[in-house]
Each structure stands twice: as C-alpha cells, then as structure tokens.
Amino acid sequence: MKAITPIICAVTTALAPLASAQNPVYTIPQGYTKVSLATPTAGETALTAISATLLQDIEFAGNGSLGAFTDGADGAIGSQVISFSAVNWTTTPTQQWAISADPAAVPPRRAVPFVVYLVDNNGAEEAFSIVSNTADSITIRTTEDLSTRFSSTASALSAKIRKANTFS
C-alpha cells in the first residue's frame, strides 16, 4: 500500500490541472465604431468629444427613409434627414433625441446626446450624431450624401438610436 500511495499522489497531481482547466470562451468580435463629428455652427456650443457606445440599450429601432442631403455652408458639415413612420417623438418643450442648445431650457437640456447607428449596404453599422428631431424624423450630421452607401429605398434603412458616452 505504501508503494501505491506515491503513485496515486503523482497521478492525482498530474491530472489536477487538467480537471480544473477551463474551456476557452470565444466571443463575436465587436470591431470599431466610426463616429462623424461636426464643427459647431454659429450659435451652437462646441462638442469636446464623443464616443459611440457599443453596448448601450437601444432606445429606438426601426426602418426609415433617407431624405435629401443638405451641404453645409462655407465648408461646414452638412446634414441629412431620416424619416420614420408610426412614431410620435417629443418635440416640445425639448426634442427627444437632441441636446438643447439652451442651458436654461425647461425641462433641463439632455446631459447625454444620442447617436443613430445606420446599417450600410454591406451590413456594417456606422454611427452619426443626432442634431434635431421632429415628431417623425431625425436630422443627423454628415459630410456626404448617405444615399451612396445606405439604402435609399423607402422605409428600408435600418436604424438604431442609442445614448452616446461623452467626455469633457
């Protein structure tokens, strides 16, 4: 029995790491998010930095339609409207998806801006800052006409609105 005990201990010691080894966990890569930042126009406050979130809850998801691109004056960043059906977003006293430019606004301005993630023709998402909204549309900042990269078919543009993290 004394001769077997060291062998059992040696085998148990050798097998212990195998018994407690964890299987590796693999996740789907999240990639990166591109956010288009715009220079503030006259009367707007400067945005110091913005980081689009990858894991924030979705505040809204639906399909919309791209409107016409409006080029910014004097080299400023342009904008584009995305319209949605069957929505009724808040517009007064403050807009539901946009930060109020008035710090004295009542109710108080939103502390966290929102971004919209659009799915391009290749299935990749890109985030854009929301600058304003109406009851059934949002206006985003962009440097180009998005109809070249995103679906311009009516109600076929996949969009997700999420809160954005900011740094000051």
C-alpha atoms as a PDB file:
ATOM      1  CA  MET A   1       0.000   0.000   0.000  1.00  0.00           C
ATOM      2  CA  LYS A   2       2.860   2.350   0.823  1.00  0.00           C
ATOM      3  CA  ALA A   3       4.279   1.840  -2.714  1.00  0.00           C
ATOM      4  CA  ILE A   4       0.949   2.703  -4.382  1.00  0.00           C
ATOM      5  CA  THR A   5       0.322   5.881  -2.378  1.00  0.00           C
ATOM      6  CA  PRO A   6       3.145   7.898  -4.056  1.00  0.00           C
ATOM      7  CA  ILE A   7       1.941   6.748  -7.488  1.00  0.00           C
ATOM      8  CA  ILE A   8      -1.654   7.798  -6.726  1.00  0.00           C
ATOM      9  CA  CYS A   9      -0.430  11.156  -5.437  1.00  0.00           C
ATOM     10  CA  ALA A  10       1.741  11.671  -8.525  1.00  0.00           C
ATOM     11  CA  VAL A  11      -1.103  10.790 -10.909  1.00  0.00           C
ATOM     12  CA  THR A  12      -3.581  12.966  -8.985  1.00  0.00           C
ATOM     13  CA  THR A  13      -1.134  15.894  -9.001  1.00  0.00           C
ATOM     14  CA  ALA A  14      -0.508  15.487 -12.733  1.00  0.00           C
ATOM     15  CA  LEU A  15      -4.217  15.270 -13.570  1.00  0.00           C
ATOM     16  CA  ALA A  16      -5.395  18.085 -11.263  1.00  0.00           C
ATOM     17  CA  PRO A  17      -4.606  20.901 -13.735  1.00  0.00           C
ATOM     18  CA  LEU A  18      -6.467  19.022 -16.476  1.00  0.00           C
ATOM     19  CA  ALA A  19      -9.530  18.532 -14.288  1.00  0.00           C
ATOM     20  CA  SER A  20      -9.705  22.216 -13.370  1.00  0.00           C
ATOM     21  CA  ALA A  21      -8.815  23.585 -16.825  1.00  0.00           C
ATOM     22  CA  GLN A  22     -11.460  25.860 -18.263  1.00  0.00           C
ATOM     23  CA  ASN A  23     -12.522  25.721 -21.861  1.00  0.00           C
ATOM     24  CA  PRO A  24     -11.690  28.973 -23.639  1.00  0.00           C
ATOM     25  CA  VAL A  25     -14.611  31.289 -24.285  1.00  0.00           C
ATOM     26  CA  TYR A  26     -14.856  32.887 -27.707  1.00  0.00           C
ATOM     27  CA  THR A  27     -16.995  35.920 -28.477  1.00  0.00           C
ATOM     28  CA  ILE A  28     -18.015  37.542 -31.704  1.00  0.00           C
ATOM     29  CA  PRO A  29     -15.652  40.467 -32.371  1.00  0.00           C
ATOM     30  CA  GLN A  30     -17.372  43.808 -31.943  1.00  0.00           C
ATOM     31  CA  GLY A  31     -14.990  45.758 -34.196  1.00  0.00           C
ATOM     32  CA  TYR A  32     -14.948  49.508 -34.006  1.00  0.00           C
ATOM     33  CA  THR A  33     -17.425  52.299 -34.446  1.00  0.00           C
ATOM     34  CA  LYS A  34     -16.867  55.293 -36.684  1.00  0.00           C
ATOM     35  CA  VAL A  35     -18.481  58.499 -35.486  1.00  0.00           C
ATOM     36  CA  SER A  36     -18.695  61.600 -37.637  1.00  0.00           C
ATOM     37  CA  LEU A  37     -18.078  64.708 -35.544  1.00  0.00           C
ATOM     38  CA  ALA A  38     -19.079  68.077 -36.847  1.00  0.00           C
ATOM     39  CA  THR A  39     -17.724  71.540 -36.222  1.00  0.00           C
ATOM     40  CA  PRO A  40     -20.339  73.603 -34.393  1.00  0.00           C
ATOM     41  CA  THR A  41     -22.072  76.250 -36.434  1.00  0.00           C
ATOM     42  CA  ALA A  42     -22.774  79.768 -35.233  1.00  0.00           C
ATOM     43  CA  GLY A  43     -24.777  79.806 -32.012  1.00  0.00           C
ATOM     44  CA  GLU A  44     -24.008  76.193 -31.060  1.00  0.00           C
ATOM     45  CA  THR A  45     -21.834  75.032 -28.208  1.00  0.00           C
ATOM     46  CA  ALA A  46     -18.715  73.046 -29.035  1.00  0.00           C
ATOM     47  CA  LEU A  47     -18.761  69.299 -28.594  1.00  0.00           C
ATOM     48  CA  THR A  48     -15.486  68.390 -26.907  1.00  0.00           C
ATOM     49  CA  ALA A  49     -15.545  64.656 -27.628  1.00  0.00           C
ATOM     50  CA  ILE A  50     -17.961  61.830 -28.236  1.00  0.00           C
ATOM     51  CA  SER A  51     -17.644  58.094 -28.050  1.00  0.00           C
ATOM     52  CA  ALA A  52     -20.320  55.962 -29.632  1.00  0.00           C
ATOM     53  CA  THR A  53     -21.369  53.166 -27.347  1.00  0.00           C
ATOM     54  CA  LEU A  54     -21.314  49.557 -28.386  1.00  0.00           C
ATOM     55  CA  LEU A  55     -23.384  48.064 -25.607  1.00  0.00           C
ATOM     56  CA  GLN A  56     -25.883  50.731 -24.523  1.00  0.00           C
ATOM     57  CA  ASP A  57     -29.531  49.758 -24.650  1.00  0.00           C
ATOM     58  CA  ILE A  58     -31.366  50.526 -27.839  1.00  0.00           C
ATOM     59  CA  GLU A  59     -33.765  53.426 -27.254  1.00  0.00           C
ATOM     60  CA  PHE A  60     -35.409  53.010 -30.680  1.00  0.00           C
ATOM     61  CA  ALA A  61     -35.028  50.562 -33.569  1.00  0.00           C
ATOM     62  CA  GLY A  62     -36.836  50.731 -36.864  1.00  0.00           C
ATOM     63  CA  ASN A  63     -36.638  51.291 -40.582  1.00  0.00           C
ATOM     64  CA  GLY A  64     -36.557  54.742 -42.065  1.00  0.00           C
ATOM     65  CA  SER A  65     -36.151  56.609 -45.330  1.00  0.00           C
ATOM     66  CA  LEU A  66     -33.254  58.891 -46.218  1.00  0.00           C
ATOM     67  CA  GLY A  67     -34.119  62.432 -47.189  1.00  0.00           C
ATOM     68  CA  ALA A  68     -32.083  64.846 -49.266  1.00  0.00           C
ATOM     69  CA  PHE A  69     -28.536  65.764 -48.223  1.00  0.00           C
ATOM     70  CA  THR A  70     -28.020  69.419 -47.274  1.00  0.00           C
ATOM     71  CA  ASP A  71     -24.466  70.606 -47.791  1.00  0.00           C
ATOM     72  CA  GLY A  72     -23.117  72.828 -45.028  1.00  0.00           C
ATOM     73  CA  ALA A  73     -22.458  76.483 -45.859  1.00  0.00           C
ATOM     74  CA  ASP A  74     -18.866  77.737 -46.012  1.00  0.00           C
ATOM     75  CA  GLY A  75     -17.340  74.288 -45.595  1.00  0.00           C
ATOM     76  CA  ALA A  76     -19.406  73.376 -42.539  1.00  0.00           C
ATOM     77  CA  ILE A  77     -20.610  69.820 -42.025  1.00  0.00           C
ATOM     78  CA  GLY A  78     -23.849  69.027 -43.819  1.00  0.00           C
ATOM     79  CA  SER A  79     -26.949  67.225 -42.618  1.00  0.00           C
ATOM     80  CA  GLN A  80     -29.436  64.638 -43.748  1.00  0.00           C
ATOM     81  CA  VAL A  81     -32.936  63.805 -42.565  1.00  0.00           C
ATOM     82  CA  ILE A  82     -34.169  60.282 -41.880  1.00  0.00           C
ATOM     83  CA  SER A  83     -37.964  59.875 -41.740  1.00  0.00           C
ATOM     84  CA  PHE A  84     -39.842  57.117 -39.926  1.00  0.00           C
ATOM     85  CA  SER A  85     -43.469  56.047 -39.922  1.00  0.00           C
ATOM     86  CA  ALA A  86     -45.660  55.172 -36.936  1.00  0.00           C
ATOM     87  CA  VAL A  87     -43.603  57.204 -34.451  1.00  0.00           C
ATOM     88  CA  ASN A  88     -44.542  60.291 -32.466  1.00  0.00           C
ATOM     89  CA  TRP A  89     -41.390  61.647 -30.851  1.00  0.00           C
ATOM     90  CA  THR A  90     -41.352  64.517 -28.388  1.00  0.00           C
ATOM     91  CA  THR A  91     -40.562  67.917 -29.891  1.00  0.00           C
ATOM     92  CA  THR A  92     -41.638  70.385 -27.188  1.00  0.00           C
ATOM     93  CA  PRO A  93     -40.544  71.730 -24.815  1.00  0.00           C
ATOM     94  CA  THR A  94     -37.346  69.851 -25.761  1.00  0.00           C
ATOM     95  CA  GLN A  95     -36.599  67.441 -28.546  1.00  0.00           C
ATOM     96  CA  GLN A  96     -36.468  63.769 -27.601  1.00  0.00           C
ATOM     97  CA  TRP A  97     -33.191  62.884 -29.364  1.00  0.00           C
ATOM     98  CA  ALA A  98     -31.271  66.186 -29.469  1.00  0.00           C
ATOM     99  CA  ILE A  99     -29.357  68.182 -26.880  1.00  0.00           C
ATOM    100  CA  SER A 100     -30.922  71.559 -26.271  1.00  0.00           C
ATOM    101  CA  ALA A 101     -28.605  74.457 -27.194  1.00  0.00           C
ATOM    102  CA  ASP A 102     -30.138  76.458 -24.342  1.00  0.00           C
ATOM    103  CA  PRO A 103     -28.624  75.516 -20.948  1.00  0.00           C
ATOM    104  CA  ALA A 104     -31.541  77.278 -19.224  1.00  0.00           C
ATOM    105  CA  ALA A 105     -34.125  75.189 -21.074  1.00  0.00           C
ATOM    106  CA  VAL A 106     -37.029  73.911 -19.009  1.00  0.00           C
ATOM    107  CA  PRO A 107     -37.076  70.980 -18.559  1.00  0.00           C
ATOM    108  CA  PRO A 108     -33.266  70.910 -18.352  1.00  0.00           C
ATOM    109  CA  ARG A 109     -31.377  70.012 -21.509  1.00  0.00           C
ATOM    110  CA  ARG A 110     -30.338  66.427 -22.033  1.00  0.00           C
ATOM    111  CA  ALA A 111     -26.977  65.684 -20.487  1.00  0.00           C
ATOM    112  CA  VAL A 112     -26.280  62.762 -22.832  1.00  0.00           C
ATOM    113  CA  PRO A 113     -26.504  63.050 -26.616  1.00  0.00           C
ATOM    114  CA  PHE A 114     -27.880  60.323 -28.825  1.00  0.00           C
ATOM    115  CA  VAL A 115     -26.396  58.711 -31.910  1.00  0.00           C
ATOM    116  CA  VAL A 116     -28.111  56.726 -34.618  1.00  0.00           C
ATOM    117  CA  TYR A 117     -26.500  53.571 -35.958  1.00  0.00           C
ATOM    118  CA  LEU A 118     -27.275  53.018 -39.638  1.00  0.00           C
ATOM    119  CA  VAL A 119     -26.656  49.699 -41.401  1.00  0.00           C
ATOM    120  CA  ASP A 120     -24.886  50.237 -44.747  1.00  0.00           C
ATOM    121  CA  ASN A 121     -25.343  48.278 -47.980  1.00  0.00           C
ATOM    122  CA  ASN A 122     -22.629  45.817 -46.843  1.00  0.00           C
ATOM    123  CA  GLY A 123     -24.256  45.136 -43.453  1.00  0.00           C
ATOM    124  CA  ALA A 124     -21.844  47.249 -41.367  1.00  0.00           C
ATOM    125  CA  GLU A 125     -23.061  49.830 -38.843  1.00  0.00           C
ATOM    126  CA  GLU A 126     -21.919  53.441 -38.695  1.00  0.00           C
ATOM    127  CA  ALA A 127     -22.916  55.967 -36.032  1.00  0.00           C
ATOM    128  CA  PHE A 128     -23.982  59.574 -36.635  1.00  0.00           C
ATOM    129  CA  SER A 129     -24.738  62.409 -34.204  1.00  0.00           C
ATOM    130  CA  ILE A 130     -28.403  63.380 -33.966  1.00  0.00           C
ATOM    131  CA  VAL A 131     -28.749  67.156 -34.023  1.00  0.00           C
ATOM    132  CA  SER A 132     -32.533  67.539 -34.028  1.00  0.00           C
ATOM    133  CA  ASN A 133     -35.798  65.702 -34.415  1.00  0.00           C
ATOM    134  CA  THR A 134     -39.407  66.255 -35.392  1.00  0.00           C
ATOM    135  CA  ALA A 135     -42.333  64.032 -34.452  1.00  0.00           C
ATOM    136  CA  ASP A 136     -41.353  61.521 -37.170  1.00  0.00           C
ATOM    137  CA  SER A 137     -37.800  62.296 -38.309  1.00  0.00           C
ATOM    138  CA  ILE A 138     -34.264  62.878 -37.102  1.00  0.00           C
ATOM    139  CA  THR A 139     -31.582  65.124 -38.580  1.00  0.00           C
ATOM    140  CA  ILE A 140     -28.009  63.859 -38.456  1.00  0.00           C
ATOM    141  CA  ARG A 141     -24.685  65.493 -39.243  1.00  0.00           C
ATOM    142  CA  THR A 142     -22.740  64.081 -42.151  1.00  0.00           C
ATOM    143  CA  THR A 143     -20.042  65.144 -44.593  1.00  0.00           C
ATOM    144  CA  GLU A 144     -21.580  63.347 -47.568  1.00  0.00           C
ATOM    145  CA  ASP A 145     -24.842  62.219 -49.127  1.00  0.00           C
ATOM    146  CA  LEU A 146     -25.501  58.905 -47.387  1.00  0.00           C
ATOM    147  CA  SER A 147     -27.646  57.531 -50.210  1.00  0.00           C
ATOM    148  CA  THR A 148     -24.432  56.358 -51.907  1.00  0.00           C
ATOM    149  CA  ARG A 149     -23.679  53.939 -49.048  1.00  0.00           C
ATOM    150  CA  PHE A 150     -27.009  53.333 -47.349  1.00  0.00           C
ATOM    151  CA  SER A 151     -30.345  52.148 -48.663  1.00  0.00           C
ATOM    152  CA  SER A 152     -32.345  54.947 -50.227  1.00  0.00           C
ATOM    153  CA  THR A 153     -35.354  52.656 -50.723  1.00  0.00           C
ATOM    154  CA  ALA A 154     -38.354  53.960 -48.784  1.00  0.00           C
ATOM    155  CA  SER A 155     -38.544  52.505 -45.254  1.00  0.00           C
ATOM    156  CA  ALA A 156     -35.619  50.136 -45.868  1.00  0.00           C
ATOM    157  CA  LEU A 157     -32.886  51.930 -43.896  1.00  0.00           C
ATOM    158  CA  SER A 158     -32.187  50.040 -40.658  1.00  0.00           C
ATOM    159  CA  ALA A 159     -31.608  52.455 -37.764  1.00  0.00           C
ATOM    160  CA  LYS A 160     -30.942  52.077 -34.029  1.00  0.00           C
ATOM    161  CA  ILE A 161     -30.861  55.041 -31.664  1.00  0.00           C
ATOM    162  CA  ARG A 162     -28.669  54.711 -28.565  1.00  0.00           C
ATOM    163  CA  LYS A 163     -27.252  57.025 -25.925  1.00  0.00           C
ATOM    164  CA  ALA A 164     -23.676  58.135 -26.528  1.00  0.00           C
ATOM    165  CA  ASN A 165     -20.951  58.383 -23.898  1.00  0.00           C
ATOM    166  CA  THR A 166     -19.188  61.732 -23.752  1.00  0.00           C
ATOM    167  CA  PHE A 167     -16.013  63.057 -22.213  1.00  0.00           C
ATOM    168  CA  SER A 168     -15.436  66.645 -21.183  1.00  0.00           C
END
